Amino acid sequence: MNLEVLNLNLFMKTRSSLTIVLFFFISLFIGVVTVFWINDYVAEDWFASKTSLPGSKKIENTWNCSRGNVTRTCPIDYPSTRELNQSSATTCPEYFRWIHEDLRPWQRTGISRAMLEGGQDVAYFRLVIVGGRVYVKKYKTAFQTRDVFNIWGIVQLTRLYPGMLPDLELLFYCGDRPVIKKRDYHEGSNATSPPPVFHYCGDDDSLAIVFPDWSFWGWAEINVRPWKSLLEDIKEGNKRINWKDRLPYAYWKGNVRMGERADLMKCNVSDKYDWNGRFYNQDWYKEAGEGYKNSRLEDQCTHRYKVYIEGWGWSVSEKYILACDSMTLQVKPRYFDFFMRGMKPMQHYWPIRNNSKCRDIKFAVEWGNNHTEEALAIGKAGSKFVSENLRMENVYDYMFHLLREYAKLLKYKPSIPSGAEEVCSETMACSQVGLWRKYMEESMVKCPSDKPPCIILPPYEPKALQAIIGEKERTERQLEMWETRYRESSNA
């Protein structure tokens, strides 16, 4: 073979190799672009399916945090009304009827502007809805970002049911314990009218208008996800260990430097005695430094029994504890939130007395370990209560009905107060960073609901309400008798 032929062959081979290499890189580039496009498309579709509420067919509106929107103004193109299929309305859960009871102090007189202003000294913020838009005037700085996420929740409600909330004006208190006391507003000719103040919890001595707490939209300071997402995480955590294979003890973990919790730690296992309790202090500062790896709520469904106990006031932890399928041992609470009054002792939880914690816990655990089917049934019923009756759709519907019923009582036309600022998803979320921004994105209502709010049942008749309260008290007394007989027989 002569040199020219050899050079020609080498040239042809080299050109062929270059062609193959060039073809390979072109194909790789097209493939990568295609994969990114498909992934982006699939991801967007998956995100829509995960975040849209029932009845939503697509993401209709997110938020505008672009650099051009420097002032973070509220959009004017979000739907202001929504056509709903009224025939698809369902009946609200039973606990919604307590809305009527919380508003009963103002049923006869209505709510005047003077009454409302009477609560300004204790309020953390005033919230006004006029024409479907939300305005806020802040008075005090709340602990962490309680106020921010509660306002965020109300903004999301207006996105879920645009144009359906009437004009209203309310005051909100963000502390741990209710502050409007019944004793300060006696009946009679010299009685003054109590101010209507919204709060997270109430008790028998107060007049709080009970409203869902901030944690339903996330508790960024301690890495607790929005309730809708966290509930699914806990359901998955439930599947890891079969109930009968879980540790046969009562479990609690939290901040012990609050209320009755230090007393609970006396019921912990020791060298001298075992009260069937396994209780742990939660050091949140340490947890924050370690990335919250030991405080994931979905990892705490490991015991057959879990304890609920209040802190300074009611605790947001009850819904997380109930969701675990473990039989909840509820240390008798003083305070109640918006859904607790719909639960029944020995059906959804096991009551524990404050003045007999250790003995009652020991009895409950021993009873449960000897009656596993019954204990499992109570645990499952409590878990079912929160997974079905406390879905975010129901939380929003509770807010919707409470605000509508409240607005009916106003005897004046609400107006935007001086110094108030309009708030919406853009003004609240665009400036946030970290978990605060993430949880707002995660909990944002992407489009209006196609379904109407559930239908709230009428107020309880007085006799029916007394019957409910009486049945609860009888069940608790019966349980106390069981515990007493058990202790006497054990001593014998």
Foldseek 3Di string as FASTA:
>chain_A
DDPVVVVVVVVVVVVVVVVVVVVVVVVVVVVVVVVVVVVVVVVQVVVQVVFADPQDDGQDFDADLDPVVVVLDDDPPQDQAAAADAVPFAAADPLLLCLCVLCVLLPVPFDEVVLQVVCPVQFQKKWWADSLFIWIDGDHDADPCFVLLVVLLVQLLCQQGHNPFHTDMATEHEDFAADAFPVQADDDDPGDRHRAYAYFKYFPGHSHSFAPTSPCLHDQLQGRFHPQVLLVLLVVLLVPAPLVRFALAEEEEEAQQFDLSVVVCVLPDDPVDHLRYHYYYDDSVVCVVVVVPPPRLSNPLRYQEYEADDGNARDPCPLSRLQSLRAYEYADHRMDHSCPLSDADLQQHDYAYSVCRSLRRSVVSVVCVVVVVSRSRNSVRSSVCCVPNVNVLSSSLSVRVSSRVSRVSYPDRDDHDPNMDTDHLSVSQSPDDDVSNVSSSSNRHSHYHNHDRHHYDHHDDPVRVVVSVVVRVVVNVVVVVVSVVVVVVVVD
